[in-house]
Every structure is written in C-alpha cells, then in structure tokens.
Amino acid sequence: MKKSFILIVTFAIVMGLFYTKLSLALVGIGIIAAFICTLAGGAGLITIPAMMLVGIPIQTGIATNKFSSGIAALSSIFYLLYHKELRLAAIMKYVAVAIAGGVCGALLTVSISEKTMNIIACILLIFALFITLKNREWTVSSKENDTKNTNKLFQPFLIAVYDGSFGPGSSTFSILHFLRYHYSYIKAVQLTRVLIFGSCTGAFIVFYQTGFIQWPYAIAMAIGSIIGSQLGLLILPKIPIKVAKILLIIIISLLLIQVAIKII
C-alpha cells in the first residue's frame, strides 16, 4: 500500500515537471541528497556542490537548499504522523526550539566568516566520529520517552543554530544526539526530520528576506527532496543497525574531508 502510494505520487510529480518545465537535474539532485540525508545526514555533500556545477550561485544554492530540505522534512513528518510513528504533541517542542535555532543561526552567519564555521564544523565532526566509533552497540528499540527528555532541548537548539547557519553535518549531529539518549536508530532519524524542518523553516524566514531565493530552482529541488525523503523513510526500517552505523561513519568521514579541504 505504502509503495503503491509513493509510486503514484512520484509518477504524478514527474509528469508535472515535464508540464511545468522545471529542471529535472535539480529534481535528481534533490532525490539523491534527501535519500542519503534521511538515513545518515550529509546532504550538504551533494546539494551545494551539485547546484554550483549546474550554474546556480552559492547564495541562491544555500537559500534553495534550506527551502527544499524544510519541505522534505515536512513531508516526512506528515508521513510519520499518518502512520502514527510520531505524536504531534510530542514533537511540537522540538519544532519550536528548532525554528528559534534556525533563525538565530541564519542571523549568525552575518557576523561569522565561512572559514570560522568550517573550523567549528571540523572540530564537531571529529568529536562526532569519535563518539560513533566509541559506542559499539546501538539500541534496537527506544529506552527513553518524550517526558523524560522534555528538558533536554539545549543541544537540539544548538544543532538548529548550526543548521541555520548552513553548517555541514547537522542531520548527522542530530541523529547522534538522539542515539546518545538511547533512542533507537529509527526513532533518532524520525526526530531528526522534525528538527531539520524547524531549523530550515527558521533559516528560510531570514534567507527569504535577502532575495536570493529563485522559485523555479527551489520548487524543483523541493519536489526531488520530497521523493528522496519518502524513499528513505520506506527503506529505513529495513536497514540493519550495523549497516546504519557504517553509513554514518562514512558520511562523517566524507564531511570531515570536505570541511578540511575548505579550511585549507
């Protein structure tokens, strides 16, 4: 039933793209990036460089990425709420905190240079890699509940600030954060989609005022991101924990290489 629904929606979207003449290249970029990002983060490895390759300016690429990532995360939330894997009341605090963090992060980019942000990202990614390698066993089922973690919102706020300032690896940091509090990998990914929706929404509010958003690019990327995100959620329950951990380590390592190159 789920697969049939996804296939029908995908077909309708592709037909709509041909009709509206939106960029299929951007849709493809969105699908691949959102699929990988849903499972382990690291969409920035693909989206920004790929958009620059097709001739989109970096500022427009960043604004476009925030819009498409936010829309994709929103589609994930609808999917998870519909299948009763998340409860609206339980995630509202994360949405509110992440929106505030996204706004702060976007405003912070005005006063912090890209090189400084990359240095911060490099330090955080090294720490994230260490934590991932140190934790030999991940939980299969969540041992924590939303009530117990109600007051643990400071780190999600910082992750949202980081994401709002277009730092690489924010989804990866979020997954690791929830894993640290003994959520299962699946639940960590689901809650990460909530945080990313909030942070991207907050950041987009700021970036929209800059005038860098180009709607044909943004809509094409958003369509691809929705498809990739839904495909990621379908595959998520079928991924063994060992494979998920290896994927996360690979993404962190690639992000580290990308950031280190930018610093040099």
C-alpha atoms as a PDB file:
ATOM      1  CA  MET A   1       0.000   0.000   0.000  1.00  0.00           C
ATOM      2  CA  LYS A   2       2.782   2.405   1.002  1.00  0.00           C
ATOM      3  CA  LYS A   3       4.873   1.548  -2.064  1.00  0.00           C
ATOM      4  CA  SER A   4       1.921   1.978  -4.418  1.00  0.00           C
ATOM      5  CA  PHE A   5       1.157   5.375  -2.926  1.00  0.00           C
ATOM      6  CA  ILE A   6       4.774   6.505  -3.341  1.00  0.00           C
ATOM      7  CA  LEU A   7       4.886   5.277  -6.951  1.00  0.00           C
ATOM      8  CA  ILE A   8       1.648   7.089  -7.851  1.00  0.00           C
ATOM      9  CA  VAL A   9       2.836  10.330  -6.239  1.00  0.00           C
ATOM     10  CA  THR A  10       6.238  10.036  -7.942  1.00  0.00           C
ATOM     11  CA  PHE A  11       4.630   9.492 -11.366  1.00  0.00           C
ATOM     12  CA  ALA A  12       2.323  12.486 -10.875  1.00  0.00           C
ATOM     13  CA  ILE A  13       5.242  14.676  -9.842  1.00  0.00           C
ATOM     14  CA  VAL A  14       7.394  13.655 -12.808  1.00  0.00           C
ATOM     15  CA  MET A  15       4.537  14.354 -15.225  1.00  0.00           C
ATOM     16  CA  GLY A  16       4.049  17.725 -13.574  1.00  0.00           C
ATOM     17  CA  LEU A  17       7.732  18.502 -14.028  1.00  0.00           C
ATOM     18  CA  PHE A  18       7.569  17.889 -17.763  1.00  0.00           C
ATOM     19  CA  TYR A  19       4.500  20.097 -17.968  1.00  0.00           C
ATOM     20  CA  THR A  20       5.992  22.970 -15.975  1.00  0.00           C
ATOM     21  CA  LYS A  21       9.476  22.521 -17.490  1.00  0.00           C
ATOM     22  CA  LEU A  22      11.232  22.571 -14.136  1.00  0.00           C
ATOM     23  CA  SER A  23      14.812  21.338 -14.016  1.00  0.00           C
ATOM     24  CA  LEU A  24      14.962  17.546 -13.888  1.00  0.00           C
ATOM     25  CA  ALA A  25      18.646  17.838 -12.939  1.00  0.00           C
ATOM     26  CA  LEU A  26      17.711  19.657  -9.738  1.00  0.00           C
ATOM     27  CA  VAL A  27      14.991  17.105  -9.017  1.00  0.00           C
ATOM     28  CA  GLY A  28      17.583  14.342  -9.336  1.00  0.00           C
ATOM     29  CA  ILE A  29      19.955  16.181  -7.027  1.00  0.00           C
ATOM     30  CA  GLY A  30      17.145  16.607  -4.514  1.00  0.00           C
ATOM     31  CA  ILE A  31      16.187  12.919  -4.612  1.00  0.00           C
ATOM     32  CA  ILE A  32      19.737  11.650  -4.004  1.00  0.00           C
ATOM     33  CA  ALA A  33      20.577  14.234  -1.344  1.00  0.00           C
ATOM     34  CA  ALA A  34      17.326  13.800   0.624  1.00  0.00           C
ATOM     35  CA  PHE A  35      17.557   9.999   0.471  1.00  0.00           C
ATOM     36  CA  ILE A  36      21.063   9.992   1.940  1.00  0.00           C
ATOM     37  CA  CYS A  37      20.264  12.776   4.398  1.00  0.00           C
ATOM     38  CA  THR A  38      17.231  10.916   5.755  1.00  0.00           C
ATOM     39  CA  LEU A  39      19.301   7.851   6.561  1.00  0.00           C
ATOM     40  CA  ALA A  40      22.513   9.415   7.891  1.00  0.00           C
ATOM     41  CA  GLY A  41      22.707  13.137   7.134  1.00  0.00           C
ATOM     42  CA  GLY A  42      25.327  14.721   4.885  1.00  0.00           C
ATOM     43  CA  ALA A  43      23.078  16.195   2.208  1.00  0.00           C
ATOM     44  CA  GLY A  44      25.430  19.174   2.012  1.00  0.00           C
ATOM     45  CA  LEU A  45      27.982  16.840   0.438  1.00  0.00           C
ATOM     46  CA  ILE A  46      25.753  16.751  -2.618  1.00  0.00           C
ATOM     47  CA  THR A  47      23.373  19.699  -2.846  1.00  0.00           C
ATOM     48  CA  ILE A  48      25.560  22.815  -2.742  1.00  0.00           C
ATOM     49  CA  PRO A  49      28.437  21.481  -4.945  1.00  0.00           C
ATOM     50  CA  ALA A  50      25.936  19.985  -7.405  1.00  0.00           C
ATOM     51  CA  MET A  51      23.929  23.214  -7.673  1.00  0.00           C
ATOM     52  CA  MET A  52      27.127  25.159  -8.276  1.00  0.00           C
ATOM     53  CA  LEU A  53      28.022  22.708 -11.064  1.00  0.00           C
ATOM     54  CA  VAL A  54      24.737  23.462 -12.849  1.00  0.00           C
ATOM     55  CA  GLY A  55      25.432  27.196 -12.604  1.00  0.00           C
ATOM     56  CA  ILE A  56      23.476  28.259  -9.508  1.00  0.00           C
ATOM     57  CA  PRO A  57      25.220  30.939  -7.359  1.00  0.00           C
ATOM     58  CA  ILE A  58      26.259  29.831  -3.858  1.00  0.00           C
ATOM     59  CA  GLN A  59      23.890  32.249  -2.063  1.00  0.00           C
ATOM     60  CA  THR A  60      20.932  31.080  -4.139  1.00  0.00           C
ATOM     61  CA  GLY A  61      22.024  27.486  -3.600  1.00  0.00           C
ATOM     62  CA  ILE A  62      22.022  27.888   0.176  1.00  0.00           C
ATOM     63  CA  ALA A  63      18.576  29.522   0.220  1.00  0.00           C
ATOM     64  CA  THR A  64      17.253  26.852  -2.169  1.00  0.00           C
ATOM     65  CA  ASN A  65      18.714  24.083  -0.017  1.00  0.00           C
ATOM     66  CA  LYS A  66      17.017  25.405   3.113  1.00  0.00           C
ATOM     67  CA  PHE A  67      13.651  25.582   1.367  1.00  0.00           C
ATOM     68  CA  SER A  68      13.869  22.126  -0.200  1.00  0.00           C
ATOM     69  CA  SER A  69      15.214  20.491   2.980  1.00  0.00           C
ATOM     70  CA  GLY A  70      12.447  22.058   5.047  1.00  0.00           C
ATOM     71  CA  ILE A  71       9.726  20.907   2.640  1.00  0.00           C
ATOM     72  CA  ALA A  72      11.195  17.390   2.507  1.00  0.00           C
ATOM     73  CA  ALA A  73      11.334  17.217   6.310  1.00  0.00           C
ATOM     74  CA  LEU A  74       7.720  18.432   6.494  1.00  0.00           C
ATOM     75  CA  SER A  75       6.637  15.652   4.129  1.00  0.00           C
ATOM     76  CA  SER A  76       8.453  13.178   6.378  1.00  0.00           C
ATOM     77  CA  ILE A  77       6.597  14.497   9.428  1.00  0.00           C
ATOM     78  CA  PHE A  78       3.235  14.093   7.658  1.00  0.00           C
ATOM     79  CA  TYR A  79       4.206  10.533   6.723  1.00  0.00           C
ATOM     80  CA  LEU A  80       5.239   9.674  10.286  1.00  0.00           C
ATOM     81  CA  LEU A  81       2.169  11.280  11.844  1.00  0.00           C
ATOM     82  CA  TYR A  82      -0.119   9.488   9.388  1.00  0.00           C
ATOM     83  CA  HIS A  83       1.413   6.130  10.278  1.00  0.00           C
ATOM     84  CA  LYS A  84       1.318   7.045  13.999  1.00  0.00           C
ATOM     85  CA  GLU A  85       5.065   6.733  14.417  1.00  0.00           C
ATOM     86  CA  LEU A  86       5.211  10.244  15.888  1.00  0.00           C
ATOM     87  CA  ARG A  87       2.731  12.189  18.006  1.00  0.00           C
ATOM     88  CA  LEU A  88       2.076  15.848  17.236  1.00  0.00           C
ATOM     89  CA  ALA A  89       2.024  16.883  20.889  1.00  0.00           C
ATOM     90  CA  ALA A  90       5.380  15.193  21.497  1.00  0.00           C
ATOM     91  CA  ILE A  91       7.232  16.897  18.648  1.00  0.00           C
ATOM     92  CA  MET A  92       5.916  20.457  18.948  1.00  0.00           C
ATOM     93  CA  LYS A  93       8.595  21.393  21.486  1.00  0.00           C
ATOM     94  CA  TYR A  94      11.299  20.267  19.071  1.00  0.00           C
ATOM     95  CA  VAL A  95       9.738  22.220  16.207  1.00  0.00           C
ATOM     96  CA  ALA A  96       9.526  25.404  18.294  1.00  0.00           C
ATOM     97  CA  VAL A  97      13.102  25.108  19.569  1.00  0.00           C
ATOM     98  CA  ALA A  98      14.441  24.307  16.098  1.00  0.00           C
ATOM     99  CA  ILE A  99      12.670  27.259  14.434  1.00  0.00           C
ATOM    100  CA  ALA A 100      14.189  29.601  17.015  1.00  0.00           C
ATOM    101  CA  GLY A 101      17.593  27.999  16.493  1.00  0.00           C
ATOM    102  CA  GLY A 102      17.308  28.233  12.711  1.00  0.00           C
ATOM    103  CA  VAL A 103      16.539  31.962  12.890  1.00  0.00           C
ATOM    104  CA  CYS A 104      19.485  32.545  15.252  1.00  0.00           C
ATOM    105  CA  GLY A 105      21.804  30.520  13.044  1.00  0.00           C
ATOM    106  CA  ALA A 106      20.854  32.380   9.877  1.00  0.00           C
ATOM    107  CA  LEU A 107      21.381  35.725  11.623  1.00  0.00           C
ATOM    108  CA  LEU A 108      24.697  34.473  12.993  1.00  0.00           C
ATOM    109  CA  THR A 109      26.093  33.968   9.502  1.00  0.00           C
ATOM    110  CA  VAL A 110      26.222  37.740   9.107  1.00  0.00           C
ATOM    111  CA  SER A 111      28.876  38.040  11.826  1.00  0.00           C
ATOM    112  CA  ILE A 112      30.832  34.780  11.390  1.00  0.00           C
ATOM    113  CA  SER A 113      33.022  34.025   8.379  1.00  0.00           C
ATOM    114  CA  GLU A 114      32.654  30.821   6.375  1.00  0.00           C
ATOM    115  CA  LYS A 115      36.180  29.749   7.390  1.00  0.00           C
ATOM    116  CA  THR A 116      35.323  30.069  11.083  1.00  0.00           C
ATOM    117  CA  MET A 117      32.172  28.000  10.587  1.00  0.00           C
ATOM    118  CA  ASN A 118      34.197  25.332   8.776  1.00  0.00           C
ATOM    119  CA  ILE A 119      36.715  25.170  11.633  1.00  0.00           C
ATOM    120  CA  ILE A 120      33.858  24.735  14.119  1.00  0.00           C
ATOM    121  CA  ALA A 121      32.335  22.075  11.849  1.00  0.00           C
ATOM    122  CA  CYS A 122      35.669  20.232  11.632  1.00  0.00           C
ATOM    123  CA  ILE A 123      36.015  20.090  15.433  1.00  0.00           C
ATOM    124  CA  LEU A 124      32.420  18.904  15.866  1.00  0.00           C
ATOM    125  CA  LEU A 125      32.766  16.251  13.160  1.00  0.00           C
ATOM    126  CA  ILE A 126      35.934  14.853  14.740  1.00  0.00           C
ATOM    127  CA  PHE A 127      34.048  14.631  18.038  1.00  0.00           C
ATOM    128  CA  ALA A 128      31.066  13.007  16.293  1.00  0.00           C
ATOM    129  CA  LEU A 129      33.305  10.405  14.634  1.00  0.00           C
ATOM    130  CA  PHE A 130      34.910   9.612  17.994  1.00  0.00           C
ATOM    131  CA  ILE A 131      31.506   9.162  19.664  1.00  0.00           C
ATOM    132  CA  THR A 132      30.234   6.947  16.830  1.00  0.00           C
ATOM    133  CA  LEU A 133      33.292   4.694  16.917  1.00  0.00           C
ATOM    134  CA  LYS A 134      33.256   4.544  20.726  1.00  0.00           C
ATOM    135  CA  ASN A 135      29.637   3.390  21.003  1.00  0.00           C
ATOM    136  CA  ARG A 136      29.899  -0.225  19.895  1.00  0.00           C
ATOM    137  CA  GLU A 137      26.244  -1.060  20.357  1.00  0.00           C
ATOM    138  CA  TRP A 138      23.172   0.897  19.277  1.00  0.00           C
ATOM    139  CA  THR A 139      19.735   0.209  20.674  1.00  0.00           C
ATOM    140  CA  VAL A 140      17.128  -1.519  18.538  1.00  0.00           C
ATOM    141  CA  SER A 141      14.210  -0.070  20.488  1.00  0.00           C
ATOM    142  CA  SER A 142      13.910   3.257  22.294  1.00  0.00           C
ATOM    143  CA  LYS A 143      14.548   3.104  26.035  1.00  0.00           C
ATOM    144  CA  GLU A 144      13.770   6.779  26.658  1.00  0.00           C
ATOM    145  CA  ASN A 145      10.441   8.543  26.390  1.00  0.00           C
ATOM    146  CA  ASP A 146       9.477  12.069  25.446  1.00  0.00           C
ATOM    147  CA  THR A 147       8.515  13.048  29.008  1.00  0.00           C
ATOM    148  CA  LYS A 148      11.923  12.181  30.404  1.00  0.00           C
ATOM    149  CA  ASN A 149      13.697  14.218  27.734  1.00  0.00           C
ATOM    150  CA  THR A 150      11.435  17.264  27.895  1.00  0.00           C
ATOM    151  CA  ASN A 151      14.148  19.405  29.477  1.00  0.00           C
ATOM    152  CA  LYS A 152      16.944  18.198  27.181  1.00  0.00           C
ATOM    153  CA  LEU A 153      16.343  20.791  24.491  1.00  0.00           C
ATOM    154  CA  PHE A 154      19.542  22.821  24.694  1.00  0.00           C
ATOM    155  CA  GLN A 155      21.519  20.566  22.369  1.00  0.00           C
ATOM    156  CA  PRO A 156      18.719  20.385  19.760  1.00  0.00           C
ATOM    157  CA  PHE A 157      18.651  24.189  19.876  1.00  0.00           C
ATOM    158  CA  LEU A 158      22.412  24.351  19.212  1.00  0.00           C
ATOM    159  CA  ILE A 159      22.070  21.832  16.372  1.00  0.00           C
ATOM    160  CA  ALA A 160      19.328  24.010  14.863  1.00  0.00           C
ATOM    161  CA  VAL A 161      21.525  27.108  15.221  1.00  0.00           C
ATOM    162  CA  TYR A 162      24.311  25.243  13.435  1.00  0.00           C
ATOM    163  CA  ASP A 163      21.972  24.069  10.692  1.00  0.00           C
ATOM    164  CA  GLY A 164      20.501  27.552  10.292  1.00  0.00           C
ATOM    165  CA  SER A 165      23.987  28.888   9.653  1.00  0.00           C
ATOM    166  CA  PHE A 166      24.363  26.243   6.888  1.00  0.00           C
ATOM    167  CA  GLY A 167      26.958  24.176   8.721  1.00  0.00           C
ATOM    168  CA  PRO A 168      27.626  20.712   7.246  1.00  0.00           C
ATOM    169  CA  GLY A 169      26.509  17.576   9.063  1.00  0.00           C
ATOM    170  CA  SER A 170      23.629  18.972  11.134  1.00  0.00           C
ATOM    171  CA  SER A 171      21.389  15.954  10.447  1.00  0.00           C
ATOM    172  CA  THR A 172      24.240  13.653  11.418  1.00  0.00           C
ATOM    173  CA  PHE A 173      24.764  15.548  14.683  1.00  0.00           C
ATOM    174  CA  SER A 174      21.045  15.319  15.403  1.00  0.00           C
ATOM    175  CA  ILE A 175      20.942  11.547  14.842  1.00  0.00           C
ATOM    176  CA  LEU A 176      23.920  11.122  17.173  1.00  0.00           C
ATOM    177  CA  HIS A 177      22.260  13.343  19.783  1.00  0.00           C
ATOM    178  CA  PHE A 178      19.147  11.181  19.955  1.00  0.00           C
ATOM    179  CA  LEU A 179      21.191   7.987  19.890  1.00  0.00           C
ATOM    180  CA  ARG A 180      23.098   9.308  22.885  1.00  0.00           C
ATOM    181  CA  TYR A 181      19.841   9.458  24.832  1.00  0.00           C
ATOM    182  CA  HIS A 182      19.136   5.816  23.981  1.00  0.00           C
ATOM    183  CA  TYR A 183      16.607   6.302  21.244  1.00  0.00           C
ATOM    184  CA  SER A 184      16.674   3.630  18.563  1.00  0.00           C
ATOM    185  CA  TYR A 185      18.313   4.479  15.241  1.00  0.00           C
ATOM    186  CA  ILE A 186      14.885   4.601  13.555  1.00  0.00           C
ATOM    187  CA  LYS A 187      13.436   6.945  16.188  1.00  0.00           C
ATOM    188  CA  ALA A 188      16.589   9.105  16.064  1.00  0.00           C
ATOM    189  CA  VAL A 189      16.173   9.541  12.307  1.00  0.00           C
ATOM    190  CA  GLN A 190      12.475  10.353  12.710  1.00  0.00           C
ATOM    191  CA  LEU A 191      13.090  13.020  15.353  1.00  0.00           C
ATOM    192  CA  THR A 192      15.922  14.430  13.264  1.00  0.00           C
ATOM    193  CA  ARG A 193      13.444  15.093  10.456  1.00  0.00           C
ATOM    194  CA  VAL A 194      11.453  17.167  12.978  1.00  0.00           C
ATOM    195  CA  LEU A 195      14.496  19.217  13.984  1.00  0.00           C
ATOM    196  CA  ILE A 196      15.561  19.797  10.384  1.00  0.00           C
ATOM    197  CA  PHE A 197      12.082  21.015   9.466  1.00  0.00           C
ATOM    198  CA  GLY A 198      12.200  23.560  12.277  1.00  0.00           C
ATOM    199  CA  SER A 199      15.745  24.783  11.647  1.00  0.00           C
ATOM    200  CA  CYS A 200      15.227  25.056   7.879  1.00  0.00           C
ATOM    201  CA  THR A 201      11.963  26.939   8.407  1.00  0.00           C
ATOM    202  CA  GLY A 202      13.625  29.411  10.756  1.00  0.00           C
ATOM    203  CA  ALA A 203      16.613  29.883   8.453  1.00  0.00           C
ATOM    204  CA  PHE A 204      14.447  30.261   5.360  1.00  0.00           C
ATOM    205  CA  ILE A 205      12.467  33.062   7.006  1.00  0.00           C
ATOM    206  CA  VAL A 206      15.729  35.003   7.252  1.00  0.00           C
ATOM    207  CA  PHE A 207      17.182  33.988   3.878  1.00  0.00           C
ATOM    208  CA  TYR A 208      13.952  34.835   2.088  1.00  0.00           C
ATOM    209  CA  GLN A 209      14.437  38.463   3.085  1.00  0.00           C
ATOM    210  CA  THR A 210      17.801  38.516   1.282  1.00  0.00           C
ATOM    211  CA  GLY A 211      16.115  37.964  -2.094  1.00  0.00           C
ATOM    212  CA  PHE A 212      18.374  35.052  -3.031  1.00  0.00           C
ATOM    213  CA  ILE A 213      15.528  32.557  -3.419  1.00  0.00           C
ATOM    214  CA  GLN A 214      14.696  31.601  -7.006  1.00  0.00           C
ATOM    215  CA  TRP A 215      11.375  29.758  -7.005  1.00  0.00           C
ATOM    216  CA  PRO A 216      11.878  27.577 -10.119  1.00  0.00           C
ATOM    217  CA  TYR A 217      15.070  26.193  -8.561  1.00  0.00           C
ATOM    218  CA  ALA A 218      13.515  25.909  -5.097  1.00  0.00           C
ATOM    219  CA  ILE A 219      10.389  24.092  -6.277  1.00  0.00           C
ATOM    220  CA  ALA A 220      12.346  21.621  -8.424  1.00  0.00           C
ATOM    221  CA  MET A 221      14.704  20.821  -5.545  1.00  0.00           C
ATOM    222  CA  ALA A 222      11.796  20.547  -3.113  1.00  0.00           C
ATOM    223  CA  ILE A 223       9.995  18.033  -5.345  1.00  0.00           C
ATOM    224  CA  GLY A 224      13.110  15.883  -5.596  1.00  0.00           C
ATOM    225  CA  SER A 225      13.738  16.182  -1.862  1.00  0.00           C
ATOM    226  CA  ILE A 226      10.204  15.044  -1.043  1.00  0.00           C
ATOM    227  CA  ILE A 227      10.633  11.924  -3.194  1.00  0.00           C
ATOM    228  CA  GLY A 228      14.075  11.144  -1.733  1.00  0.00           C
ATOM    229  CA  SER A 229      12.879  11.677   1.822  1.00  0.00           C
ATOM    230  CA  GLN A 230       9.866   9.375   1.400  1.00  0.00           C
ATOM    231  CA  LEU A 231      12.034   6.675  -0.187  1.00  0.00           C
ATOM    232  CA  GLY A 232      14.465   6.979   2.728  1.00  0.00           C
ATOM    233  CA  LEU A 233      11.666   6.507   5.260  1.00  0.00           C
ATOM    234  CA  LEU A 234      10.424   3.412   3.406  1.00  0.00           C
ATOM    235  CA  ILE A 235      13.866   1.812   3.460  1.00  0.00           C
ATOM    236  CA  LEU A 236      14.764   2.951   6.998  1.00  0.00           C
ATOM    237  CA  PRO A 237      13.125   0.046   8.922  1.00  0.00           C
ATOM    238  CA  LYS A 238      14.888  -2.494   6.689  1.00  0.00           C
ATOM    239  CA  ILE A 239      18.413  -1.228   7.357  1.00  0.00           C
ATOM    240  CA  PRO A 240      20.406  -3.394   9.815  1.00  0.00           C
ATOM    241  CA  ILE A 241      21.937  -1.495  12.749  1.00  0.00           C
ATOM    242  CA  LYS A 242      25.483  -2.432  11.680  1.00  0.00           C
ATOM    243  CA  VAL A 243      24.895  -1.071   8.178  1.00  0.00           C
ATOM    244  CA  ALA A 244      23.403   2.123   9.602  1.00  0.00           C
ATOM    245  CA  LYS A 245      26.464   2.662  11.789  1.00  0.00           C
ATOM    246  CA  ILE A 246      28.846   2.079   8.872  1.00  0.00           C
ATOM    247  CA  LEU A 247      26.845   4.511   6.729  1.00  0.00           C
ATOM    248  CA  LEU A 248      27.002   7.131   9.473  1.00  0.00           C
ATOM    249  CA  ILE A 249      30.778   6.706   9.846  1.00  0.00           C
ATOM    250  CA  ILE A 250      31.258   7.055   6.083  1.00  0.00           C
ATOM    251  CA  ILE A 251      29.129  10.222   5.949  1.00  0.00           C
ATOM    252  CA  ILE A 252      31.003  11.795   8.878  1.00  0.00           C
ATOM    253  CA  SER A 253      34.361  10.941   7.286  1.00  0.00           C
ATOM    254  CA  LEU A 254      33.351  12.431   3.926  1.00  0.00           C
ATOM    255  CA  LEU A 255      32.071  15.576   5.642  1.00  0.00           C
ATOM    256  CA  LEU A 256      35.374  15.876   7.510  1.00  0.00           C
ATOM    257  CA  ILE A 257      37.323  15.667   4.246  1.00  0.00           C
ATOM    258  CA  GLN A 258      35.063  18.251   2.590  1.00  0.00           C
ATOM    259  CA  VAL A 259      35.375  20.705   5.510  1.00  0.00           C
ATOM    260  CA  ALA A 260      39.137  20.187   5.837  1.00  0.00           C
ATOM    261  CA  ILE A 261      39.603  21.000   2.134  1.00  0.00           C
ATOM    262  CA  LYS A 262      37.621  24.234   2.573  1.00  0.00           C
ATOM    263  CA  ILE A 263      39.767  25.253   5.566  1.00  0.00           C
ATOM    264  CA  ILE A 264      42.997  24.593   3.686  1.00  0.00           C
END
